[in-house]
Amino acid sequence: MLWEPFDLLTHVLHLALGFGAAGAAVVALSARKGGRLHRRAGWVFAAGMLIAAVTAWLFMIARPLPLAMIEATIALYALGTAILALHPRWRGARTGEWALFALLCLVMLGIGATAVRLHLAGTPLIVAPAAFFVILAYFAALDLRYLRAREVARLDRVRRHALRMALAVSETVRAPTITFADELGLPIPAIVFGSFLLVPLIYFAFAPAARRAAAGGVAAPAG
């Protein structure tokens, strides 16, 4: 009985902050990159998405949904790497980067295990987790290259920030669409992979402005 009010609160927070984060993302993408409005809207987006992801995990304690848990974890990974890319001198930033890389690898391990089980069962559904694994492997490869570098130019950090923020923004579309998939009459795989297409669209549409804003940067230590 005591769980019910808490469960209701987490759902309200999740919905309110999730949709609020989506609005903040629109503002951040529209504002001048590197400007005050862009930074403030970006922090609002990050805070809203962070709480939305955490609350998603909380209300799934009673009703576990593997795909939703994976999406919430990817959102946390994307936000963390996007923020740390621009703040490498924060205390513990380097450790945090490695921890987020490990988190991504754990998600990939779970998806890979699912693909193996489906393969052994002889079902064509293996295509979906296999494709998901490949997408995340791309980000993992970029992470490993980044983490092994002795020095990373400011421009490369901006690129990393922009790509991870694009991934986080795609979650603001993917998560609610999956929730209402039945009402919309859309298959889950189409939602998952269709929303992933937003990542390159957002990145290539808005990253050039961010790169121009950082063009005068100099190389900085990687951690």
Protein backbone atom coordinates (compact mmCIF):
# COMPACT_ATOMS: atom_id res chain seq x y z
CA MET A 1 0.00 0.00 0.00
CA LEU A 2 2.83 2.39 0.82
CA TRP A 3 4.36 1.75 -2.60
CA GLU A 4 1.35 3.10 -4.52
CA PRO A 5 1.76 6.83 -3.68
CA PHE A 6 5.49 6.59 -4.38
CA ASP A 7 4.80 4.81 -7.67
CA LEU A 8 2.33 7.54 -8.67
CA LEU A 9 4.86 10.25 -7.78
CA THR A 10 7.60 8.66 -9.89
CA HIS A 11 5.23 8.41 -12.86
CA VAL A 12 4.22 12.08 -12.53
CA LEU A 13 7.85 13.19 -12.23
CA HIS A 14 8.84 11.00 -15.16
CA LEU A 15 6.16 12.41 -17.45
CA ALA A 16 6.50 16.04 -16.38
CA LEU A 17 10.28 16.17 -16.49
CA GLY A 18 10.51 14.02 -19.60
CA PHE A 19 8.27 16.34 -21.61
CA GLY A 20 9.93 19.37 -20.01
CA ALA A 21 13.31 18.05 -21.09
CA ALA A 22 12.02 17.67 -24.64
CA GLY A 23 11.02 21.34 -24.63
CA ALA A 24 14.40 22.37 -23.25
CA ALA A 25 16.09 20.33 -26.00
CA VAL A 26 14.22 22.29 -28.66
CA VAL A 27 15.38 25.55 -27.09
CA ALA A 28 19.00 24.35 -26.79
CA LEU A 29 19.07 23.19 -30.40
CA SER A 30 17.57 26.46 -31.62
CA ALA A 31 19.76 28.80 -29.56
CA ARG A 32 23.21 30.06 -30.53
CA LYS A 33 25.66 27.27 -29.72
CA GLY A 34 27.83 28.07 -26.76
CA GLY A 35 25.64 31.03 -25.77
CA ARG A 36 24.02 31.55 -22.40
CA LEU A 37 20.57 30.37 -23.51
CA HIS A 38 22.04 27.25 -25.11
CA ARG A 39 23.94 26.37 -21.94
CA ARG A 40 21.02 27.00 -19.61
CA ALA A 41 18.55 25.08 -21.76
CA GLY A 42 21.11 22.28 -22.03
CA TRP A 43 21.39 22.01 -18.26
CA VAL A 44 17.60 21.98 -17.90
CA PHE A 45 17.41 19.23 -20.53
CA ALA A 46 20.13 17.21 -18.78
CA ALA A 47 18.51 17.56 -15.35
CA GLY A 48 15.06 16.66 -16.65
CA MET A 49 16.32 13.64 -18.58
CA LEU A 50 18.43 12.48 -15.65
CA ILE A 51 15.47 12.46 -13.27
CA ALA A 52 13.22 10.92 -15.94
CA ALA A 53 15.71 8.09 -16.45
CA VAL A 54 16.12 7.47 -12.71
CA THR A 55 12.37 7.47 -12.10
CA ALA A 56 11.94 5.07 -15.03
CA TRP A 57 14.18 2.64 -13.20
CA LEU A 58 12.27 3.19 -9.94
CA PHE A 59 8.81 2.43 -11.25
CA MET A 60 10.11 -0.55 -13.18
CA ILE A 61 11.10 -2.21 -9.90
CA ALA A 62 7.52 -3.45 -9.61
CA ARG A 63 7.01 -3.96 -13.37
CA PRO A 64 10.31 -4.83 -15.06
CA LEU A 65 10.44 -3.92 -18.74
CA PRO A 66 13.85 -4.88 -20.20
CA LEU A 67 13.69 -2.59 -23.23
CA ALA A 68 12.61 0.41 -21.15
CA MET A 69 15.42 -0.29 -18.67
CA ILE A 70 17.92 -0.39 -21.52
CA GLU A 71 16.62 2.89 -22.94
CA ALA A 72 16.80 4.59 -19.52
CA THR A 73 20.38 3.37 -19.08
CA ILE A 74 21.38 4.61 -22.53
CA ALA A 75 19.92 8.01 -21.64
CA LEU A 76 22.09 8.13 -18.51
CA TYR A 77 25.14 7.10 -20.54
CA ALA A 78 24.49 9.71 -23.24
CA LEU A 79 23.95 12.53 -20.74
CA GLY A 80 27.00 11.63 -18.67
CA THR A 81 29.38 11.42 -21.61
CA ALA A 82 27.97 14.60 -23.17
CA ILE A 83 28.50 16.60 -19.98
CA LEU A 84 31.93 15.21 -19.15
CA ALA A 85 33.14 15.86 -22.71
CA LEU A 86 32.97 19.59 -22.01
CA HIS A 87 34.16 19.37 -18.39
CA PRO A 88 37.23 17.11 -18.45
CA ARG A 89 38.85 18.89 -15.51
CA TRP A 90 36.07 18.11 -13.07
CA ARG A 91 37.26 15.96 -10.21
CA GLY A 92 36.62 12.33 -11.07
CA ALA A 93 35.74 13.13 -14.69
CA ARG A 94 38.18 10.57 -16.08
CA THR A 95 36.89 7.87 -13.75
CA GLY A 96 33.35 8.81 -14.66
CA GLU A 97 34.12 8.45 -18.37
CA TRP A 98 35.46 4.94 -17.83
CA ALA A 99 32.48 4.05 -15.63
CA LEU A 100 30.07 5.16 -18.35
CA PHE A 101 32.01 3.14 -20.90
CA ALA A 102 31.69 0.10 -18.62
CA LEU A 103 27.96 0.78 -18.26
CA LEU A 104 27.58 0.81 -22.05
CA CYS A 105 29.51 -2.46 -22.28
CA LEU A 106 27.15 -4.05 -19.74
CA VAL A 107 24.15 -2.99 -21.82
CA MET A 108 25.82 -4.43 -24.92
CA LEU A 109 26.50 -7.67 -23.02
CA GLY A 110 22.81 -8.00 -22.15
CA ILE A 111 21.72 -7.27 -25.73
CA GLY A 112 24.34 -9.67 -27.08
CA ALA A 113 23.12 -12.43 -24.75
CA THR A 114 19.57 -11.83 -26.00
CA ALA A 115 20.75 -12.13 -29.60
CA VAL A 116 22.51 -15.42 -28.82
CA ARG A 117 19.40 -16.86 -27.17
CA LEU A 118 17.27 -15.89 -30.15
CA HIS A 119 19.81 -17.40 -32.52
CA LEU A 120 19.80 -20.68 -30.62
CA ALA A 121 16.00 -20.63 -30.72
CA GLY A 122 16.17 -20.33 -34.51
CA THR A 123 14.03 -17.20 -34.70
CA PRO A 124 14.55 -14.35 -37.20
CA LEU A 125 13.98 -11.88 -34.34
CA ILE A 126 17.73 -12.02 -33.79
CA VAL A 127 18.06 -9.21 -36.36
CA ALA A 128 16.70 -6.57 -33.94
CA PRO A 129 19.08 -7.13 -30.97
CA ALA A 130 21.98 -7.73 -33.37
CA ALA A 131 21.38 -4.34 -35.05
CA PHE A 132 20.97 -2.69 -31.64
CA PHE A 133 24.29 -4.21 -30.55
CA VAL A 134 26.05 -2.85 -33.65
CA ILE A 135 24.74 0.67 -33.03
CA LEU A 136 25.97 0.67 -29.44
CA ALA A 137 29.27 -0.92 -30.51
CA TYR A 138 29.87 2.13 -32.70
CA PHE A 139 29.57 4.41 -29.67
CA ALA A 140 31.76 2.05 -27.62
CA ALA A 141 34.48 2.17 -30.29
CA LEU A 142 34.39 5.97 -30.26
CA ASP A 143 34.59 5.93 -26.45
CA LEU A 144 37.59 3.64 -26.39
CA ARG A 145 39.44 5.77 -28.92
CA TYR A 146 38.62 8.89 -26.92
CA LEU A 147 39.63 7.40 -23.56
CA ARG A 148 42.95 6.10 -24.88
CA ALA A 149 43.98 9.48 -26.30
CA ARG A 150 46.60 11.41 -24.35
CA GLU A 151 45.23 14.75 -25.53
CA VAL A 152 41.86 15.68 -27.01
CA ALA A 153 41.32 18.97 -28.83
CA ARG A 154 38.47 21.17 -27.71
CA LEU A 155 36.87 20.79 -31.13
CA ASP A 156 36.82 17.00 -30.74
CA ARG A 157 35.25 17.37 -27.30
CA VAL A 158 32.51 19.52 -28.82
CA ARG A 159 31.89 16.87 -31.47
CA ARG A 160 31.64 14.23 -28.74
CA HIS A 161 29.27 16.44 -26.75
CA ALA A 162 27.06 17.08 -29.78
CA LEU A 163 26.82 13.41 -30.77
CA ARG A 164 25.99 12.21 -27.24
CA MET A 165 23.43 14.98 -26.78
CA ALA A 166 21.85 13.93 -30.08
CA LEU A 167 21.61 10.39 -28.68
CA ALA A 168 20.01 11.72 -25.49
CA VAL A 169 17.52 13.82 -27.47
CA SER A 170 16.51 10.75 -29.48
CA GLU A 171 15.49 9.17 -26.17
CA THR A 172 12.92 11.92 -25.62
CA VAL A 173 11.19 10.63 -28.77
CA ARG A 174 11.83 6.92 -28.39
CA ALA A 175 10.68 6.43 -24.79
CA PRO A 176 7.17 7.99 -24.99
CA THR A 177 6.57 6.53 -28.45
CA ILE A 178 7.31 3.02 -27.16
CA THR A 179 4.89 3.63 -24.29
CA PHE A 180 2.06 4.45 -26.69
CA ALA A 181 3.09 2.01 -29.42
CA ASP A 182 -0.19 0.07 -29.28
CA GLU A 183 -2.30 3.22 -29.54
CA LEU A 184 -0.18 4.47 -32.44
CA GLY A 185 -0.24 1.12 -34.18
CA LEU A 186 3.54 1.11 -34.62
CA PRO A 187 5.80 -1.94 -34.18
CA ILE A 188 8.42 -1.57 -31.45
CA PRO A 189 11.42 -2.26 -33.75
CA ALA A 190 10.29 0.51 -36.10
CA ILE A 191 10.12 2.93 -33.16
CA VAL A 192 13.51 1.94 -31.73
CA PHE A 193 15.46 2.08 -34.98
CA GLY A 194 13.44 4.91 -36.50
CA SER A 195 14.22 7.16 -33.54
CA PHE A 196 17.91 6.25 -33.80
CA LEU A 197 17.85 7.96 -37.20
CA LEU A 198 17.35 11.22 -35.31
CA VAL A 199 20.90 10.99 -33.99
CA PRO A 200 22.71 11.66 -37.30
CA LEU A 201 19.99 14.10 -38.37
CA ILE A 202 20.40 16.18 -35.21
CA TYR A 203 24.17 15.87 -35.19
CA PHE A 204 24.77 16.93 -38.78
CA ALA A 205 22.11 19.65 -38.65
CA PHE A 206 23.29 21.37 -35.46
CA ALA A 207 26.86 20.24 -34.78
CA PRO A 208 28.44 22.53 -37.43
CA ALA A 209 27.30 25.58 -35.47
CA ALA A 210 28.74 24.10 -32.28
CA ARG A 211 32.02 23.32 -34.01
CA ARG A 212 32.27 26.87 -35.35
CA ALA A 213 31.70 28.17 -31.82
CA ALA A 214 34.60 26.04 -30.57
CA ALA A 215 36.91 26.56 -33.56
CA GLY A 216 39.29 28.66 -31.53
CA GLY A 217 39.85 25.94 -28.90
CA VAL A 218 43.18 24.36 -28.06
CA ALA A 219 44.13 20.84 -27.13
CA ALA A 220 43.41 19.82 -23.55
CA PRO A 221 44.43 16.77 -21.50
CA ALA A 222 42.09 13.84 -21.96
CA GLY A 223 41.30 13.55 -18.30
